[in-house]
Structure formats: C-alpha cells, structure tokens
Amino acid sequence: MAFVFDDEMCGLVGRVEEEKRKVAVPLVGVDVKAEVHGFIGQVEIAQCYRNTEDVEVEAVYHFPLDSANSVCAFQAEYEDGTVVKGEVKEKGQARKEYSAAIQEGKQAQLLEQQRPDIFTLSVGRIPPSSFVTVRITYITTLKAEGSAMLGGGRRRQRCGARDTLPGSSVRGHTLPSLRPSLPS
C-alpha cells in the first residue's frame, strides 16, 4: 500500500540505489504500548514493514512527534534476528557512521530530529522480501482535563505538505512478532 499526495509518496519510502527509483515499503503491523506513572507517560510504538522488492532498499520515513515529548529509545529488528539499538551521538558523527555502515553492506538505522516536532528515520539495507520492525519509545508529560489524562501531543503538527494529528491510530493486524502470517 502506498499513499501519494501531490506526486509524493508518504509513509516509509524506499530507494533502490541501482535503479534510482522510489518504492513504497508497506506497513504490515502496528503495536502501541503505553505506561502511565503519575503525570508521566511512556509510549512504545512498534511498526513492522515489509520490503516487497527483490532487492535491498534503504527507506526514509518522516513523522511528527510533539515537541513536549522526548525520544528515549529506538531499535530495529530484522527478520534474520539482527537487532540494532540506537545510541545518542552528535548528528554529524551519526550520519558518518550510518553512511559507512551502509557502504560496508551492514544493516543500519539513523533517527534524526529535523525540527522540535519532526523526526526522520532512515532504515538502511532492508533485505529483499523481508520484514523489519522499528520500535521508538518516548516519554511525555500528561495533564488532567476533566476525568481524562492528556499527553503532550494535543495540537496539530505539520509534516511536509500534509497535516497529521498526533496520537491518530493506524489499523493493521498485530501478532506478537508484528509479522503477519503469510501463505506459504
């Protein structure tokens, strides 16, 4: 599934380097877990994507996250069992290490904050016809409003040419591994 807005693909968009073309990397599962401790909320969003191409792709995804939230963990889990955990590094150094890993044929990810409320996730070397699950954990402050607890993401955020409401849900089937059962 690919979404196209103003001639631009949205979601996780892959690049096939040899052919210099963009491809959609379909979202096949979503899992959201939240814990509340007083007026602090911790949210883990896990999204499973499938590279449907017959070649490796490097994918890029832009997403909004309210500026009142703080990312505290990030990792990617590949179908072959490889787990790559994020580390906080200076932006220039992180970019160099990501580029070097990709050129060396390694699986790598780069999560960058573009603006206070916009992040870009680069997922390098997703193997052909395989899955990758990306997990992002963030902390938010909560406030009471009537009988409800509200997170920091209550205002509209602008991500490129389209608006996204923070906290909006994506429907997808979710299995414990986030990978769907595929026919053999």
N, C-alpha and C. Protein backbone atom coordinates (compact mmCIF):
# COMPACT_ATOMS: atom_id res chain seq x y z
N MET A 1 0.84 -1.15 0.00
CA MET A 1 0.00 0.00 0.00
C MET A 1 0.90 1.23 0.00
N ALA A 2 0.67 2.14 -0.92
CA ALA A 2 1.41 3.40 -0.95
C ALA A 2 0.40 4.53 -1.02
N PHE A 3 0.69 5.59 -0.34
CA PHE A 3 -0.16 6.76 -0.38
C PHE A 3 0.58 7.82 -1.17
N VAL A 4 -0.12 8.51 -2.04
CA VAL A 4 0.51 9.55 -2.85
C VAL A 4 -0.23 10.85 -2.62
N PHE A 5 0.51 11.89 -2.22
CA PHE A 5 -0.03 13.23 -2.02
C PHE A 5 0.83 14.18 -2.83
N ASP A 6 0.21 14.94 -3.71
CA ASP A 6 0.94 15.92 -4.51
C ASP A 6 2.17 15.30 -5.17
N ASP A 7 1.98 14.14 -5.79
CA ASP A 7 3.04 13.43 -6.50
C ASP A 7 4.18 12.97 -5.60
N GLU A 8 3.93 12.88 -4.29
CA GLU A 8 4.96 12.44 -3.36
C GLU A 8 4.44 11.27 -2.55
N MET A 9 5.24 10.19 -2.44
CA MET A 9 4.85 9.04 -1.63
C MET A 9 5.01 9.37 -0.16
N CYS A 10 4.09 8.87 0.68
CA CYS A 10 4.15 9.10 2.12
C CYS A 10 4.27 7.77 2.83
N GLY A 11 4.70 7.79 4.07
CA GLY A 11 4.93 6.57 4.84
C GLY A 11 6.40 6.22 4.73
N LEU A 12 6.74 4.95 4.84
CA LEU A 12 8.13 4.51 4.70
C LEU A 12 8.39 4.36 3.21
N VAL A 13 9.26 5.21 2.68
CA VAL A 13 9.55 5.23 1.24
C VAL A 13 10.98 4.75 1.05
N GLY A 14 11.13 3.73 0.21
CA GLY A 14 12.45 3.15 -0.03
C GLY A 14 13.07 3.66 -1.31
N ARG A 15 14.41 3.57 -1.35
CA ARG A 15 15.16 3.90 -2.56
C ARG A 15 15.88 2.64 -3.00
N VAL A 16 15.76 2.33 -4.28
CA VAL A 16 16.53 1.25 -4.87
C VAL A 16 17.69 1.93 -5.58
N GLU A 17 18.88 1.89 -4.95
CA GLU A 17 20.04 2.66 -5.42
C GLU A 17 20.40 2.38 -6.87
N GLU A 18 20.50 1.10 -7.24
CA GLU A 18 20.96 0.76 -8.58
C GLU A 18 20.05 1.34 -9.65
N GLU A 19 18.76 1.41 -9.36
CA GLU A 19 17.79 1.85 -10.36
C GLU A 19 17.35 3.30 -10.15
N LYS A 20 17.81 3.95 -9.07
CA LYS A 20 17.47 5.34 -8.77
C LYS A 20 15.96 5.58 -8.78
N ARG A 21 15.21 4.68 -8.12
CA ARG A 21 13.75 4.85 -8.08
C ARG A 21 13.26 4.73 -6.65
N LYS A 22 12.09 5.33 -6.39
CA LYS A 22 11.46 5.25 -5.07
C LYS A 22 10.42 4.14 -5.08
N VAL A 23 10.31 3.44 -3.96
CA VAL A 23 9.32 2.37 -3.82
C VAL A 23 8.66 2.49 -2.45
N ALA A 24 7.42 2.07 -2.34
CA ALA A 24 6.74 2.04 -1.05
C ALA A 24 7.19 0.81 -0.29
N VAL A 25 7.40 0.97 1.01
CA VAL A 25 7.71 -0.16 1.88
C VAL A 25 6.49 -0.30 2.78
N PRO A 26 5.60 -1.26 2.48
CA PRO A 26 4.30 -1.35 3.15
C PRO A 26 4.38 -1.60 4.65
N LEU A 27 3.53 -0.89 5.37
CA LEU A 27 3.32 -1.11 6.80
C LEU A 27 2.40 -2.31 6.93
N VAL A 28 2.84 -3.33 7.68
CA VAL A 28 2.03 -4.55 7.81
C VAL A 28 1.57 -4.83 9.24
N GLY A 29 2.05 -4.05 10.20
CA GLY A 29 1.63 -4.27 11.58
C GLY A 29 2.02 -3.10 12.46
N VAL A 30 1.19 -2.82 13.45
CA VAL A 30 1.43 -1.74 14.41
C VAL A 30 1.09 -2.25 15.80
N ASP A 31 1.92 -1.89 16.76
CA ASP A 31 1.64 -2.22 18.15
C ASP A 31 2.03 -1.00 18.98
N VAL A 32 1.13 -0.54 19.84
CA VAL A 32 1.40 0.61 20.70
C VAL A 32 1.20 0.18 22.14
N LYS A 33 2.21 0.44 22.95
CA LYS A 33 2.12 0.13 24.38
C LYS A 33 2.37 1.43 25.13
N ALA A 34 1.58 1.66 26.17
CA ALA A 34 1.76 2.87 26.97
C ALA A 34 1.68 2.52 28.45
N GLU A 35 2.53 3.17 29.23
CA GLU A 35 2.50 3.04 30.68
C GLU A 35 2.36 4.43 31.26
N VAL A 36 1.56 4.55 32.30
CA VAL A 36 1.36 5.83 32.96
C VAL A 36 1.88 5.72 34.38
N HIS A 37 2.73 6.66 34.75
CA HIS A 37 3.28 6.74 36.10
C HIS A 37 3.03 8.16 36.59
N GLY A 38 1.95 8.35 37.34
CA GLY A 38 1.60 9.69 37.79
C GLY A 38 1.25 10.55 36.59
N PHE A 39 2.00 11.62 36.39
CA PHE A 39 1.75 12.50 35.25
C PHE A 39 2.79 12.35 34.15
N ILE A 40 3.42 11.17 34.09
CA ILE A 40 4.39 10.86 33.05
C ILE A 40 3.89 9.63 32.29
N GLY A 41 3.91 9.72 30.97
CA GLY A 41 3.53 8.58 30.13
C GLY A 41 4.73 8.13 29.32
N GLN A 42 4.90 6.81 29.23
CA GLN A 42 5.94 6.24 28.37
C GLN A 42 5.23 5.44 27.29
N VAL A 43 5.54 5.75 26.03
CA VAL A 43 4.85 5.13 24.89
C VAL A 43 5.88 4.45 24.00
N GLU A 44 5.60 3.19 23.64
CA GLU A 44 6.43 2.48 22.67
C GLU A 44 5.56 2.20 21.44
N ILE A 45 6.04 2.66 20.31
CA ILE A 45 5.35 2.40 19.05
C ILE A 45 6.22 1.45 18.25
N ALA A 46 5.67 0.31 17.88
CA ALA A 46 6.38 -0.67 17.05
C ALA A 46 5.64 -0.76 15.72
N GLN A 47 6.36 -0.56 14.65
CA GLN A 47 5.78 -0.64 13.31
C GLN A 47 6.58 -1.65 12.50
N CYS A 48 5.87 -2.59 11.90
CA CYS A 48 6.51 -3.62 11.09
C CYS A 48 6.29 -3.30 9.62
N TYR A 49 7.39 -3.29 8.87
CA TYR A 49 7.35 -3.00 7.44
C TYR A 49 7.89 -4.20 6.67
N ARG A 50 7.45 -4.34 5.43
CA ARG A 50 7.92 -5.44 4.58
C ARG A 50 8.47 -4.87 3.28
N ASN A 51 9.70 -5.24 2.97
CA ASN A 51 10.28 -4.89 1.69
C ASN A 51 9.75 -5.90 0.67
N THR A 52 8.90 -5.46 -0.23
CA THR A 52 8.30 -6.35 -1.22
C THR A 52 9.14 -6.42 -2.51
N GLU A 53 10.24 -5.70 -2.53
CA GLU A 53 11.11 -5.70 -3.71
C GLU A 53 12.00 -6.94 -3.70
N ASP A 54 12.61 -7.21 -4.84
CA ASP A 54 13.54 -8.35 -4.91
C ASP A 54 14.99 -7.91 -4.74
N VAL A 55 15.18 -6.68 -4.27
CA VAL A 55 16.50 -6.13 -3.96
C VAL A 55 16.43 -5.40 -2.62
N GLU A 56 17.61 -5.16 -2.01
CA GLU A 56 17.65 -4.38 -0.77
C GLU A 56 17.18 -2.96 -1.03
N VAL A 57 16.56 -2.36 -0.03
CA VAL A 57 16.18 -0.95 -0.13
C VAL A 57 16.64 -0.20 1.11
N GLU A 58 16.88 1.08 0.93
CA GLU A 58 17.11 2.00 2.04
C GLU A 58 15.86 2.84 2.12
N ALA A 59 15.23 2.88 3.29
CA ALA A 59 13.95 3.56 3.42
C ALA A 59 14.06 4.77 4.34
N VAL A 60 13.22 5.77 4.07
CA VAL A 60 13.19 7.00 4.86
C VAL A 60 11.75 7.30 5.23
N TYR A 61 11.56 7.73 6.46
CA TYR A 61 10.22 8.00 7.00
C TYR A 61 10.27 9.27 7.83
N HIS A 62 9.41 10.23 7.53
CA HIS A 62 9.29 11.47 8.31
C HIS A 62 8.05 11.34 9.18
N PHE A 63 8.17 11.67 10.47
CA PHE A 63 6.99 11.58 11.33
C PHE A 63 7.00 12.68 12.37
N PRO A 64 5.80 13.15 12.74
CA PRO A 64 5.70 14.19 13.76
C PRO A 64 5.67 13.58 15.16
N LEU A 65 6.24 14.29 16.10
CA LEU A 65 6.17 13.92 17.50
C LEU A 65 6.19 15.25 18.25
N ASP A 66 5.17 15.48 19.04
CA ASP A 66 5.05 16.76 19.72
C ASP A 66 6.35 17.16 20.40
N SER A 67 6.68 18.43 20.32
CA SER A 67 7.95 18.92 20.87
C SER A 67 8.04 18.77 22.39
N ALA A 68 6.92 18.53 23.07
CA ALA A 68 6.93 18.31 24.52
C ALA A 68 7.36 16.87 24.86
N ASN A 69 7.45 15.99 23.87
CA ASN A 69 7.84 14.60 24.09
C ASN A 69 9.35 14.43 23.92
N SER A 70 9.90 13.39 24.54
CA SER A 70 11.33 13.10 24.42
C SER A 70 11.52 11.65 24.02
N VAL A 71 12.22 11.43 22.90
CA VAL A 71 12.55 10.06 22.48
C VAL A 71 13.61 9.54 23.43
N CYS A 72 13.39 8.33 23.97
CA CYS A 72 14.36 7.78 24.93
C CYS A 72 14.92 6.42 24.48
N ALA A 73 14.36 5.81 23.44
CA ALA A 73 14.91 4.55 22.94
C ALA A 73 14.45 4.33 21.50
N PHE A 74 15.29 3.62 20.76
CA PHE A 74 14.99 3.30 19.37
C PHE A 74 15.74 2.03 19.01
N GLN A 75 15.06 1.14 18.30
CA GLN A 75 15.74 -0.04 17.78
C GLN A 75 15.00 -0.58 16.57
N ALA A 76 15.73 -1.36 15.78
CA ALA A 76 15.16 -2.02 14.62
C ALA A 76 15.48 -3.51 14.73
N GLU A 77 14.49 -4.33 14.43
CA GLU A 77 14.63 -5.78 14.50
C GLU A 77 14.39 -6.34 13.10
N TYR A 78 15.39 -7.00 12.56
CA TYR A 78 15.28 -7.58 11.22
C TYR A 78 14.79 -9.02 11.32
N GLU A 79 14.25 -9.50 10.23
CA GLU A 79 13.69 -10.85 10.18
C GLU A 79 14.73 -11.93 10.49
N ASP A 80 15.98 -11.67 10.16
CA ASP A 80 17.03 -12.67 10.41
C ASP A 80 17.48 -12.70 11.87
N GLY A 81 16.85 -11.88 12.72
CA GLY A 81 17.18 -11.86 14.15
C GLY A 81 18.12 -10.74 14.55
N THR A 82 18.66 -10.01 13.58
CA THR A 82 19.54 -8.89 13.89
C THR A 82 18.75 -7.79 14.59
N VAL A 83 19.28 -7.27 15.69
CA VAL A 83 18.67 -6.16 16.40
C VAL A 83 19.70 -5.04 16.46
N VAL A 84 19.32 -3.87 15.98
CA VAL A 84 20.20 -2.70 16.01
C VAL A 84 19.58 -1.69 16.95
N LYS A 85 20.30 -1.38 18.06
CA LYS A 85 19.80 -0.44 19.06
C LYS A 85 20.42 0.93 18.82
N GLY A 86 19.59 1.95 18.99
CA GLY A 86 20.06 3.31 18.80
C GLY A 86 20.91 3.80 19.95
N GLU A 87 21.85 4.67 19.63
CA GLU A 87 22.69 5.34 20.60
C GLU A 87 22.66 6.83 20.28
N VAL A 88 22.66 7.66 21.32
CA VAL A 88 22.68 9.10 21.10
C VAL A 88 24.11 9.51 20.74
N LYS A 89 24.22 10.20 19.59
CA LYS A 89 25.52 10.68 19.13
C LYS A 89 25.34 12.05 18.51
N GLU A 90 26.44 12.76 18.35
CA GLU A 90 26.42 14.05 17.67
C GLU A 90 25.93 13.79 16.24
N LYS A 91 25.10 14.70 15.71
CA LYS A 91 24.44 14.47 14.42
C LYS A 91 25.42 14.17 13.29
N GLY A 92 26.47 14.95 13.16
CA GLY A 92 27.45 14.72 12.08
C GLY A 92 28.12 13.36 12.19
N GLN A 93 28.50 12.98 13.39
CA GLN A 93 29.14 11.68 13.63
C GLN A 93 28.17 10.54 13.32
N ALA A 94 26.91 10.69 13.75
CA ALA A 94 25.90 9.65 13.50
C ALA A 94 25.69 9.46 12.00
N ARG A 95 25.63 10.55 11.25
CA ARG A 95 25.46 10.45 9.79
C ARG A 95 26.64 9.74 9.14
N LYS A 96 27.85 10.07 9.57
CA LYS A 96 29.05 9.41 9.02
C LYS A 96 29.01 7.91 9.29
N GLU A 97 28.68 7.53 10.53
CA GLU A 97 28.65 6.11 10.88
C GLU A 97 27.56 5.37 10.11
N TYR A 98 26.40 6.02 9.92
CA TYR A 98 25.32 5.40 9.15
C TYR A 98 25.77 5.17 7.70
N SER A 99 26.32 6.20 7.08
CA SER A 99 26.78 6.08 5.68
C SER A 99 27.85 5.01 5.54
N ALA A 100 28.79 4.97 6.48
CA ALA A 100 29.85 3.97 6.43
C ALA A 100 29.29 2.56 6.56
N ALA A 101 28.34 2.38 7.48
CA ALA A 101 27.74 1.05 7.67
C ALA A 101 27.01 0.60 6.40
N ILE A 102 26.27 1.51 5.79
CA ILE A 102 25.54 1.17 4.55
C ILE A 102 26.53 0.78 3.45
N GLN A 103 27.60 1.56 3.30
CA GLN A 103 28.59 1.26 2.26
C GLN A 103 29.31 -0.07 2.52
N GLU A 104 29.43 -0.45 3.79
CA GLU A 104 30.07 -1.72 4.14
C GLU A 104 29.10 -2.90 4.04
N GLY A 105 27.84 -2.63 3.64
CA GLY A 105 26.86 -3.71 3.48
C GLY A 105 26.18 -4.12 4.77
N LYS A 106 26.27 -3.30 5.81
CA LYS A 106 25.65 -3.62 7.09
C LYS A 106 24.25 -3.02 7.18
N GLN A 107 23.45 -3.59 8.06
CA GLN A 107 22.12 -3.03 8.33
C GLN A 107 22.32 -1.89 9.33
N ALA A 108 21.70 -0.75 9.07
CA ALA A 108 21.89 0.41 9.93
C ALA A 108 20.64 1.27 9.93
N GLN A 109 20.50 2.07 10.98
CA GLN A 109 19.39 3.00 11.10
C GLN A 109 19.92 4.33 11.59
N LEU A 110 19.18 5.38 11.26
CA LEU A 110 19.53 6.72 11.71
C LEU A 110 18.23 7.43 12.03
N LEU A 111 18.08 7.88 13.27
CA LEU A 111 16.91 8.64 13.70
C LEU A 111 17.40 10.05 14.01
N GLU A 112 16.87 11.03 13.26
CA GLU A 112 17.30 12.41 13.43
C GLU A 112 16.12 13.31 13.73
N GLN A 113 16.34 14.29 14.58
CA GLN A 113 15.33 15.29 14.85
C GLN A 113 15.58 16.44 13.87
N GLN A 114 14.63 16.66 12.96
CA GLN A 114 14.77 17.70 11.96
C GLN A 114 14.38 19.08 12.51
N ARG A 115 13.30 19.08 13.28
CA ARG A 115 12.78 20.27 13.95
C ARG A 115 12.31 19.80 15.32
N PRO A 116 11.91 20.69 16.19
CA PRO A 116 11.45 20.24 17.51
C PRO A 116 10.31 19.22 17.45
N ASP A 117 9.52 19.23 16.37
CA ASP A 117 8.37 18.32 16.29
C ASP A 117 8.38 17.38 15.08
N ILE A 118 9.50 17.28 14.36
CA ILE A 118 9.59 16.40 13.19
C ILE A 118 10.87 15.58 13.26
N PHE A 119 10.72 14.25 13.11
CA PHE A 119 11.84 13.33 13.10
C PHE A 119 11.92 12.65 11.73
N THR A 120 13.12 12.24 11.36
CA THR A 120 13.33 11.47 10.14
C THR A 120 14.05 10.18 10.53
N LEU A 121 13.49 9.07 10.08
CA LEU A 121 14.06 7.76 10.33
C LEU A 121 14.56 7.20 9.01
N SER A 122 15.84 6.84 8.96
CA SER A 122 16.41 6.17 7.79
C SER A 122 16.71 4.73 8.20
N VAL A 123 16.23 3.79 7.41
CA VAL A 123 16.44 2.37 7.67
C VAL A 123 17.19 1.81 6.47
N GLY A 124 18.44 1.47 6.69
CA GLY A 124 19.27 1.03 5.57
C GLY A 124 19.34 -0.47 5.43
N ARG A 125 19.41 -0.86 4.19
CA ARG A 125 19.62 -2.26 3.82
C ARG A 125 18.55 -3.21 4.34
N ILE A 126 17.31 -2.94 3.99
CA ILE A 126 16.24 -3.89 4.30
C ILE A 126 16.35 -4.99 3.24
N PRO A 127 16.61 -6.22 3.66
CA PRO A 127 16.80 -7.30 2.68
C PRO A 127 15.56 -7.52 1.81
N PRO A 128 15.75 -8.09 0.62
CA PRO A 128 14.63 -8.37 -0.28
C PRO A 128 13.58 -9.26 0.38
N SER A 129 12.33 -8.96 0.13
CA SER A 129 11.20 -9.77 0.58
C SER A 129 11.26 -10.12 2.06
N SER A 130 11.67 -9.16 2.90
CA SER A 130 11.76 -9.45 4.33
C SER A 130 11.13 -8.32 5.15
N PHE A 131 11.04 -8.58 6.46
CA PHE A 131 10.39 -7.66 7.39
C PHE A 131 11.43 -6.95 8.25
N VAL A 132 11.08 -5.75 8.69
CA VAL A 132 11.86 -5.04 9.71
C VAL A 132 10.84 -4.38 10.65
N THR A 133 11.06 -4.51 11.95
CA THR A 133 10.20 -3.88 12.95
C THR A 133 10.99 -2.75 13.60
N VAL A 134 10.43 -1.56 13.56
CA VAL A 134 11.06 -0.38 14.13
C VAL A 134 10.32 -0.04 15.42
N ARG A 135 11.06 0.12 16.52
CA ARG A 135 10.48 0.46 17.83
C ARG A 135 11.03 1.80 18.28
N ILE A 136 10.13 2.72 18.55
CA ILE A 136 10.51 4.04 19.07
C ILE A 136 9.78 4.23 20.39
N THR A 137 10.53 4.58 21.43
CA THR A 137 9.95 4.81 22.75
C THR A 137 10.15 6.27 23.11
N TYR A 138 9.08 6.90 23.58
CA TYR A 138 9.20 8.29 24.01
C TYR A 138 8.45 8.50 25.32
N ILE A 139 8.82 9.58 25.99
CA ILE A 139 8.20 9.96 27.25
C ILE A 139 7.47 11.27 27.03
N THR A 140 6.31 11.39 27.65
CA THR A 140 5.51 12.61 27.54
C THR A 140 4.96 12.98 28.91
N THR A 141 4.74 14.25 29.12
CA THR A 141 4.08 14.66 30.35
C THR A 141 2.59 14.65 30.09
N LEU A 142 1.84 14.32 31.11
CA LEU A 142 0.39 14.23 31.00
C LEU A 142 -0.25 15.32 31.85
N LYS A 143 -1.44 15.70 31.48
CA LYS A 143 -2.18 16.65 32.32
C LYS A 143 -3.61 16.14 32.43
N ALA A 144 -4.20 16.46 33.54
CA ALA A 144 -5.59 16.06 33.77
C ALA A 144 -6.51 17.11 33.16
N GLU A 145 -7.51 16.63 32.45
CA GLU A 145 -8.55 17.51 31.91
C GLU A 145 -9.87 16.80 32.13
N GLY A 146 -10.62 17.26 33.11
CA GLY A 146 -11.82 16.54 33.50
C GLY A 146 -11.42 15.20 34.08
N SER A 147 -11.98 14.12 33.55
CA SER A 147 -11.64 12.78 34.04
C SER A 147 -10.64 12.09 33.12
N ALA A 148 -10.05 12.83 32.16
CA ALA A 148 -9.12 12.22 31.20
C ALA A 148 -7.70 12.71 31.43
N MET A 149 -6.74 11.87 31.07
CA MET A 149 -5.33 12.25 31.08
C MET A 149 -4.93 12.50 29.63
N LEU A 150 -4.32 13.65 29.37
CA LEU A 150 -3.93 14.00 28.01
C LEU A 150 -2.43 14.09 27.90
N GLY A 151 -1.89 13.60 26.76
CA GLY A 151 -0.45 13.69 26.51
C GLY A 151 -0.10 15.01 25.88
N GLY A 152 1.20 15.21 25.67
CA GLY A 152 1.69 16.46 25.10
C GLY A 152 1.22 16.69 23.68
N GLY A 153 0.85 15.67 22.94
CA GLY A 153 0.52 15.83 21.52
C GLY A 153 -0.93 16.16 21.28
N ARG A 154 -1.37 17.33 21.69
CA ARG A 154 -2.78 17.70 21.51
C ARG A 154 -2.99 18.73 20.41
N ARG A 155 -1.93 19.27 19.84
CA ARG A 155 -2.11 20.28 18.80
C ARG A 155 -1.79 19.68 17.44
N ARG A 156 -2.27 20.33 16.39
CA ARG A 156 -1.97 19.86 15.04
C ARG A 156 -0.51 20.12 14.74
N GLN A 157 0.12 19.16 14.06
CA GLN A 157 1.51 19.33 13.66
C GLN A 157 1.58 19.24 12.15
N ARG A 158 2.47 19.99 11.58
CA ARG A 158 2.61 20.00 10.13
C ARG A 158 3.86 19.21 9.76
N CYS A 159 3.69 18.25 8.89
CA CYS A 159 4.80 17.41 8.43
C CYS A 159 4.82 17.49 6.92
N GLY A 160 5.67 18.31 6.36
CA GLY A 160 5.68 18.49 4.91
C GLY A 160 4.42 19.20 4.48
N ALA A 161 3.81 18.71 3.41
CA ALA A 161 2.63 19.38 2.85
C ALA A 161 1.33 18.85 3.42
N ARG A 162 1.40 17.95 4.39
CA ARG A 162 0.17 17.35 4.89
C ARG A 162 0.11 17.49 6.40
N ASP A 163 -1.07 17.52 6.96
CA ASP A 163 -1.25 17.62 8.40
C ASP A 163 -1.47 16.23 8.99
N THR A 164 -0.94 16.00 10.16
CA THR A 164 -1.13 14.74 10.87
C THR A 164 -1.56 15.07 12.28
N LEU A 165 -2.54 14.39 12.77
CA LEU A 165 -2.95 14.58 14.15
C LEU A 165 -2.16 13.64 15.04
N PRO A 166 -1.41 14.19 16.00
CA PRO A 166 -0.66 13.31 16.90
C PRO A 166 -1.60 12.36 17.62
N GLY A 167 -1.14 11.14 17.80
CA GLY A 167 -1.94 10.16 18.52
C GLY A 167 -2.96 9.46 17.65
N SER A 168 -3.06 9.84 16.35
CA SER A 168 -4.01 9.14 15.50
C SER A 168 -3.52 7.72 15.30
N SER A 169 -4.45 6.78 15.12
CA SER A 169 -4.05 5.38 15.06
C SER A 169 -4.03 4.88 13.63
N VAL A 170 -3.22 3.88 13.41
CA VAL A 170 -3.15 3.19 12.13
C VAL A 170 -3.66 1.79 12.37
N ARG A 171 -4.59 1.35 11.56
CA ARG A 171 -5.11 -0.01 11.75
C ARG A 171 -4.27 -1.00 10.96
N GLY A 172 -3.91 -2.07 11.62
CA GLY A 172 -3.14 -3.13 10.99
C GLY A 172 -3.21 -4.33 11.91
N HIS A 173 -3.11 -5.53 11.36
CA HIS A 173 -3.17 -6.65 12.28
C HIS A 173 -1.83 -6.80 12.97
N THR A 174 -1.87 -7.20 14.21
CA THR A 174 -0.68 -7.29 15.02
C THR A 174 -0.58 -8.67 15.63
N LEU A 175 0.55 -9.31 15.42
CA LEU A 175 0.85 -10.58 16.04
C LEU A 175 1.96 -10.32 17.05
N PRO A 176 2.25 -11.26 17.95
CA PRO A 176 3.30 -11.00 18.92
C PRO A 176 4.60 -10.53 18.28
N SER A 177 4.96 -11.05 17.13
CA SER A 177 6.19 -10.63 16.47
C SER A 177 5.96 -9.46 15.54
N LEU A 178 4.71 -9.04 15.37
CA LEU A 178 4.28 -8.00 14.45
C LEU A 178 4.36 -8.44 12.99
N ARG A 179 4.79 -9.66 12.72
CA ARG A 179 4.84 -10.12 11.35
C ARG A 179 3.58 -10.88 11.04
N PRO A 180 2.91 -10.57 9.93
CA PRO A 180 1.69 -11.28 9.60
C PRO A 180 1.98 -12.70 9.11
N SER A 181 0.99 -13.56 9.23
CA SER A 181 1.14 -14.91 8.68
C SER A 181 0.94 -14.80 7.17
N LEU A 182 1.92 -15.23 6.46
CA LEU A 182 1.84 -15.18 5.01
C LEU A 182 1.64 -16.57 4.47
N PRO A 183 0.88 -16.69 3.37
CA PRO A 183 0.69 -18.02 2.78
C PRO A 183 2.02 -18.57 2.32
N SER A 184 2.21 -19.86 2.47
CA SER A 184 3.46 -20.50 2.05
C SER A 184 3.53 -20.65 0.56
